[in-house]
Amino acid sequence: MPAALPISRRLIGVMACGIAAMATLAACEKPTPGVTVFSGTHSDHTEAICWSSDADRAVNRSDCSISPTTDDASAVIDQIPTITAEAGATVGISVDPAVAENGWIVSINSRALVREPITEKYFKFTMPPQALRQGPAQLVVQALTTSGNEIRGSWAFTVDGAAN
């Protein structure tokens, strides 16, 4: 039977394991909240393009995973999920609780769908025919800061009216 380690060596070993576990957890970044958009049998979920972990602070360029000033526009487009929804179809949006916390807004092709911020975790609407007349539409969800006057986070989706 092996000799028992002295208490001080056991304590150092336990402390070292605890410190290593804390360092591992500190190195992990918490994922940004997600948004899911769906219509019929089509759905897609994505994390925020831009997100401020502080509910009182608006996003800035350093909070964004996709640079809005990139020279390669196709790289940005490839990172935006696409959902298929024909004109007149019901489209649902489901947001994580952190998005609904201070309200959120949704727009298609830069036109707001509602006048007041949404505070629920789910919202549905009928896809407006005019949104798809020029081809695929851009659907943007934006979470608001505590003040309700600034953007805390953004999610983007392409809505393609062509049925698969």
C-alpha atoms as a PDB file:
ATOM      1  CA  MET A   1       0.000   0.000   0.000  1.00  0.00           C
ATOM      2  CA  PRO A   2       1.517   3.357  -1.016  1.00  0.00           C
ATOM      3  CA  ALA A   3       2.299   5.848   1.670  1.00  0.00           C
ATOM      4  CA  ALA A   4      -0.198   8.665   2.079  1.00  0.00           C
ATOM      5  CA  LEU A   5       0.872  12.035   0.759  1.00  0.00           C
ATOM      6  CA  PRO A   6       1.494  14.649   3.407  1.00  0.00           C
ATOM      7  CA  ILE A   7      -1.469  17.007   3.837  1.00  0.00           C
ATOM      8  CA  SER A   8       0.461  19.975   2.418  1.00  0.00           C
ATOM      9  CA  ARG A   9       1.185  18.113  -0.885  1.00  0.00           C
ATOM     10  CA  ARG A  10      -2.451  17.007  -1.158  1.00  0.00           C
ATOM     11  CA  LEU A  11      -3.644  20.555  -0.485  1.00  0.00           C
ATOM     12  CA  ILE A  12      -1.294  21.952  -3.136  1.00  0.00           C
ATOM     13  CA  GLY A  13      -2.568  19.356  -5.618  1.00  0.00           C
ATOM     14  CA  VAL A  14      -6.208  20.223  -4.913  1.00  0.00           C
ATOM     15  CA  MET A  15      -5.465  23.954  -5.153  1.00  0.00           C
ATOM     16  CA  ALA A  16      -3.606  23.469  -8.448  1.00  0.00           C
ATOM     17  CA  CYS A  17      -6.582  21.584  -9.909  1.00  0.00           C
ATOM     18  CA  GLY A  18      -8.949  24.326  -8.740  1.00  0.00           C
ATOM     19  CA  ILE A  19      -6.795  27.081 -10.224  1.00  0.00           C
ATOM     20  CA  ALA A  20      -6.505  25.194 -13.527  1.00  0.00           C
ATOM     21  CA  ALA A  21     -10.296  24.780 -13.675  1.00  0.00           C
ATOM     22  CA  MET A  22     -10.852  28.480 -12.961  1.00  0.00           C
ATOM     23  CA  ALA A  23      -8.316  29.479 -15.633  1.00  0.00           C
ATOM     24  CA  THR A  24     -10.043  27.236 -18.153  1.00  0.00           C
ATOM     25  CA  LEU A  25     -13.445  28.759 -17.379  1.00  0.00           C
ATOM     26  CA  ALA A  26     -12.058  32.305 -17.517  1.00  0.00           C
ATOM     27  CA  ALA A  27     -10.639  31.658 -20.982  1.00  0.00           C
ATOM     28  CA  CYS A  28     -14.059  30.608 -22.322  1.00  0.00           C
ATOM     29  CA  GLU A  29     -16.196  33.290 -23.859  1.00  0.00           C
ATOM     30  CA  LYS A  30     -19.908  33.153 -23.235  1.00  0.00           C
ATOM     31  CA  PRO A  31     -21.751  32.757 -26.536  1.00  0.00           C
ATOM     32  CA  THR A  32     -23.890  35.664 -27.643  1.00  0.00           C
ATOM     33  CA  PRO A  33     -27.665  35.283 -27.463  1.00  0.00           C
ATOM     34  CA  GLY A  34     -29.335  33.694 -30.445  1.00  0.00           C
ATOM     35  CA  VAL A  35     -32.291  34.380 -32.682  1.00  0.00           C
ATOM     36  CA  THR A  36     -34.228  31.814 -34.714  1.00  0.00           C
ATOM     37  CA  VAL A  37     -36.341  32.714 -37.740  1.00  0.00           C
ATOM     38  CA  PHE A  38     -38.698  30.165 -39.269  1.00  0.00           C
ATOM     39  CA  SER A  39     -41.420  29.829 -41.879  1.00  0.00           C
ATOM     40  CA  GLY A  40     -43.124  26.598 -42.829  1.00  0.00           C
ATOM     41  CA  THR A  41     -40.476  23.878 -42.698  1.00  0.00           C
ATOM     42  CA  HIS A  42     -37.557  26.310 -43.054  1.00  0.00           C
ATOM     43  CA  SER A  43     -35.693  27.676 -40.040  1.00  0.00           C
ATOM     44  CA  ASP A  44     -32.303  29.010 -39.107  1.00  0.00           C
ATOM     45  CA  HIS A  45     -30.678  30.026 -35.834  1.00  0.00           C
ATOM     46  CA  THR A  46     -27.745  32.376 -35.438  1.00  0.00           C
ATOM     47  CA  GLU A  47     -25.785  34.193 -32.768  1.00  0.00           C
ATOM     48  CA  ALA A  48     -25.473  37.974 -32.776  1.00  0.00           C
ATOM     49  CA  ILE A  49     -23.422  39.767 -35.391  1.00  0.00           C
ATOM     50  CA  CYS A  50     -22.889  42.480 -32.765  1.00  0.00           C
ATOM     51  CA  TRP A  51     -23.564  42.170 -29.034  1.00  0.00           C
ATOM     52  CA  SER A  52     -22.813  44.270 -25.946  1.00  0.00           C
ATOM     53  CA  SER A  53     -22.720  42.139 -22.803  1.00  0.00           C
ATOM     54  CA  ASP A  54     -23.552  45.305 -20.833  1.00  0.00           C
ATOM     55  CA  ALA A  55     -27.305  46.024 -21.133  1.00  0.00           C
ATOM     56  CA  ASP A  56     -26.645  49.743 -20.589  1.00  0.00           C
ATOM     57  CA  ARG A  57     -24.078  50.086 -23.393  1.00  0.00           C
ATOM     58  CA  ALA A  58     -24.738  50.288 -27.127  1.00  0.00           C
ATOM     59  CA  VAL A  59     -22.717  48.092 -29.464  1.00  0.00           C
ATOM     60  CA  ASN A  60     -19.645  49.425 -31.168  1.00  0.00           C
ATOM     61  CA  ARG A  61     -17.498  48.069 -33.981  1.00  0.00           C
ATOM     62  CA  SER A  62     -15.328  45.960 -31.633  1.00  0.00           C
ATOM     63  CA  ASP A  63     -18.455  44.064 -30.496  1.00  0.00           C
ATOM     64  CA  CYS A  64     -19.145  42.826 -34.045  1.00  0.00           C
ATOM     65  CA  SER A  65     -18.161  39.451 -35.470  1.00  0.00           C
ATOM     66  CA  ILE A  66     -18.763  40.681 -39.019  1.00  0.00           C
ATOM     67  CA  SER A  67     -17.165  43.962 -39.987  1.00  0.00           C
ATOM     68  CA  PRO A  68     -19.642  46.248 -41.722  1.00  0.00           C
ATOM     69  CA  THR A  69     -16.726  47.875 -43.568  1.00  0.00           C
ATOM     70  CA  THR A  70     -15.207  44.735 -45.060  1.00  0.00           C
ATOM     71  CA  ASP A  71     -13.997  44.993 -48.661  1.00  0.00           C
ATOM     72  CA  ASP A  72     -15.255  41.493 -49.421  1.00  0.00           C
ATOM     73  CA  ALA A  73     -19.050  41.829 -49.389  1.00  0.00           C
ATOM     74  CA  SER A  74     -19.512  38.175 -50.393  1.00  0.00           C
ATOM     75  CA  ALA A  75     -17.762  37.085 -47.170  1.00  0.00           C
ATOM     76  CA  VAL A  76     -20.354  38.992 -45.138  1.00  0.00           C
ATOM     77  CA  ILE A  77     -23.278  37.643 -47.183  1.00  0.00           C
ATOM     78  CA  ASP A  78     -22.024  34.059 -46.770  1.00  0.00           C
ATOM     79  CA  GLN A  79     -22.167  34.457 -42.976  1.00  0.00           C
ATOM     80  CA  ILE A  80     -25.803  35.586 -42.939  1.00  0.00           C
ATOM     81  CA  PRO A  81     -28.309  32.714 -42.693  1.00  0.00           C
ATOM     82  CA  THR A  82     -31.057  32.408 -45.308  1.00  0.00           C
ATOM     83  CA  ILE A  83     -34.659  31.496 -44.622  1.00  0.00           C
ATOM     84  CA  THR A  84     -37.204  30.705 -47.348  1.00  0.00           C
ATOM     85  CA  ALA A  85     -40.562  32.448 -46.999  1.00  0.00           C
ATOM     86  CA  GLU A  86     -42.858  33.382 -49.851  1.00  0.00           C
ATOM     87  CA  ALA A  87     -44.935  36.553 -49.841  1.00  0.00           C
ATOM     88  CA  GLY A  88     -47.951  36.080 -47.579  1.00  0.00           C
ATOM     89  CA  ALA A  89     -46.301  33.296 -45.553  1.00  0.00           C
ATOM     90  CA  THR A  90     -46.238  33.428 -41.764  1.00  0.00           C
ATOM     91  CA  VAL A  91     -42.751  34.097 -40.408  1.00  0.00           C
ATOM     92  CA  GLY A  92     -41.885  33.528 -36.757  1.00  0.00           C
ATOM     93  CA  ILE A  93     -39.003  34.961 -34.781  1.00  0.00           C
ATOM     94  CA  SER A  94     -37.881  33.456 -31.499  1.00  0.00           C
ATOM     95  CA  VAL A  95     -35.302  35.315 -29.396  1.00  0.00           C
ATOM     96  CA  ASP A  96     -33.275  34.384 -26.337  1.00  0.00           C
ATOM     97  CA  PRO A  97     -34.431  35.989 -23.051  1.00  0.00           C
ATOM     98  CA  ALA A  98     -31.487  38.428 -23.048  1.00  0.00           C
ATOM     99  CA  VAL A  99     -32.750  39.848 -26.352  1.00  0.00           C
ATOM    100  CA  ALA A 100     -36.304  40.350 -25.049  1.00  0.00           C
ATOM    101  CA  GLU A 101     -35.089  41.784 -21.735  1.00  0.00           C
ATOM    102  CA  ASN A 102     -35.193  45.466 -22.784  1.00  0.00           C
ATOM    103  CA  GLY A 103     -37.221  45.047 -25.951  1.00  0.00           C
ATOM    104  CA  TRP A 104     -36.265  44.402 -29.540  1.00  0.00           C
ATOM    105  CA  ILE A 105     -37.216  45.614 -32.982  1.00  0.00           C
ATOM    106  CA  VAL A 106     -37.460  43.849 -36.323  1.00  0.00           C
ATOM    107  CA  SER A 107     -37.195  45.322 -39.793  1.00  0.00           C
ATOM    108  CA  ILE A 108     -37.278  44.091 -43.371  1.00  0.00           C
ATOM    109  CA  ASN A 109     -35.230  46.000 -45.931  1.00  0.00           C
ATOM    110  CA  SER A 110     -34.722  48.759 -43.311  1.00  0.00           C
ATOM    111  CA  ARG A 111     -38.480  49.198 -42.719  1.00  0.00           C
ATOM    112  CA  ALA A 112     -39.712  48.555 -39.180  1.00  0.00           C
ATOM    113  CA  LEU A 113     -42.479  45.951 -38.883  1.00  0.00           C
ATOM    114  CA  VAL A 114     -43.863  47.372 -35.613  1.00  0.00           C
ATOM    115  CA  ARG A 115     -43.939  50.813 -34.028  1.00  0.00           C
ATOM    116  CA  GLU A 116     -43.145  49.791 -30.450  1.00  0.00           C
ATOM    117  CA  PRO A 117     -40.356  47.476 -29.241  1.00  0.00           C
ATOM    118  CA  ILE A 118     -41.339  43.839 -28.769  1.00  0.00           C
ATOM    119  CA  THR A 119     -40.828  42.526 -25.230  1.00  0.00           C
ATOM    120  CA  GLU A 120     -41.948  38.939 -25.775  1.00  0.00           C
ATOM    121  CA  LYS A 121     -39.598  36.094 -26.768  1.00  0.00           C
ATOM    122  CA  TYR A 122     -41.714  35.255 -29.816  1.00  0.00           C
ATOM    123  CA  PHE A 123     -43.155  37.354 -32.634  1.00  0.00           C
ATOM    124  CA  LYS A 124     -44.867  36.364 -35.861  1.00  0.00           C
ATOM    125  CA  PHE A 125     -45.894  38.322 -38.927  1.00  0.00           C
ATOM    126  CA  THR A 126     -47.031  37.845 -42.513  1.00  0.00           C
ATOM    127  CA  MET A 127     -44.260  38.321 -45.074  1.00  0.00           C
ATOM    128  CA  PRO A 128     -45.137  41.519 -46.961  1.00  0.00           C
ATOM    129  CA  PRO A 129     -45.261  40.958 -50.752  1.00  0.00           C
ATOM    130  CA  GLN A 130     -43.453  44.240 -51.479  1.00  0.00           C
ATOM    131  CA  ALA A 131     -40.442  43.110 -49.438  1.00  0.00           C
ATOM    132  CA  LEU A 132     -39.618  40.393 -51.976  1.00  0.00           C
ATOM    133  CA  ARG A 133     -40.330  42.280 -55.214  1.00  0.00           C
ATOM    134  CA  GLN A 134     -36.682  43.184 -55.768  1.00  0.00           C
ATOM    135  CA  GLY A 135     -35.382  39.729 -54.823  1.00  0.00           C
ATOM    136  CA  PRO A 136     -34.285  38.394 -51.418  1.00  0.00           C
ATOM    137  CA  ALA A 137     -35.020  40.659 -48.448  1.00  0.00           C
ATOM    138  CA  GLN A 138     -32.874  41.506 -45.438  1.00  0.00           C
ATOM    139  CA  LEU A 139     -34.506  40.814 -42.060  1.00  0.00           C
ATOM    140  CA  VAL A 140     -32.742  42.447 -39.108  1.00  0.00           C
ATOM    141  CA  VAL A 141     -33.465  41.928 -35.411  1.00  0.00           C
ATOM    142  CA  GLN A 142     -32.017  44.462 -32.979  1.00  0.00           C
ATOM    143  CA  ALA A 143     -32.015  44.252 -29.187  1.00  0.00           C
ATOM    144  CA  LEU A 144     -32.255  47.522 -27.265  1.00  0.00           C
ATOM    145  CA  THR A 145     -30.232  48.794 -24.330  1.00  0.00           C
ATOM    146  CA  THR A 146     -31.810  49.445 -20.922  1.00  0.00           C
ATOM    147  CA  SER A 147     -32.655  53.003 -22.008  1.00  0.00           C
ATOM    148  CA  GLY A 148     -34.471  51.668 -25.072  1.00  0.00           C
ATOM    149  CA  ASN A 149     -32.796  54.330 -27.228  1.00  0.00           C
ATOM    150  CA  GLU A 150     -29.729  52.465 -28.459  1.00  0.00           C
ATOM    151  CA  ILE A 151     -28.902  49.130 -30.079  1.00  0.00           C
ATOM    152  CA  ARG A 152     -27.412  46.463 -27.825  1.00  0.00           C
ATOM    153  CA  GLY A 153     -27.203  43.688 -30.419  1.00  0.00           C
ATOM    154  CA  SER A 154     -27.981  42.803 -34.029  1.00  0.00           C
ATOM    155  CA  TRP A 155     -28.882  39.649 -35.968  1.00  0.00           C
ATOM    156  CA  ALA A 156     -29.314  39.501 -39.746  1.00  0.00           C
ATOM    157  CA  PHE A 157     -31.092  37.025 -42.002  1.00  0.00           C
ATOM    158  CA  THR A 158     -31.748  36.889 -45.711  1.00  0.00           C
ATOM    159  CA  VAL A 159     -35.330  36.009 -46.630  1.00  0.00           C
ATOM    160  CA  ASP A 160     -35.557  34.336 -50.021  1.00  0.00           C
ATOM    161  CA  GLY A 161     -39.019  34.162 -51.555  1.00  0.00           C
ATOM    162  CA  ALA A 162     -38.140  31.333 -53.920  1.00  0.00           C
ATOM    163  CA  ALA A 163     -39.586  28.050 -52.691  1.00  0.00           C
ATOM    164  CA  ASN A 164     -37.218  25.101 -52.651  1.00  0.00           C
END
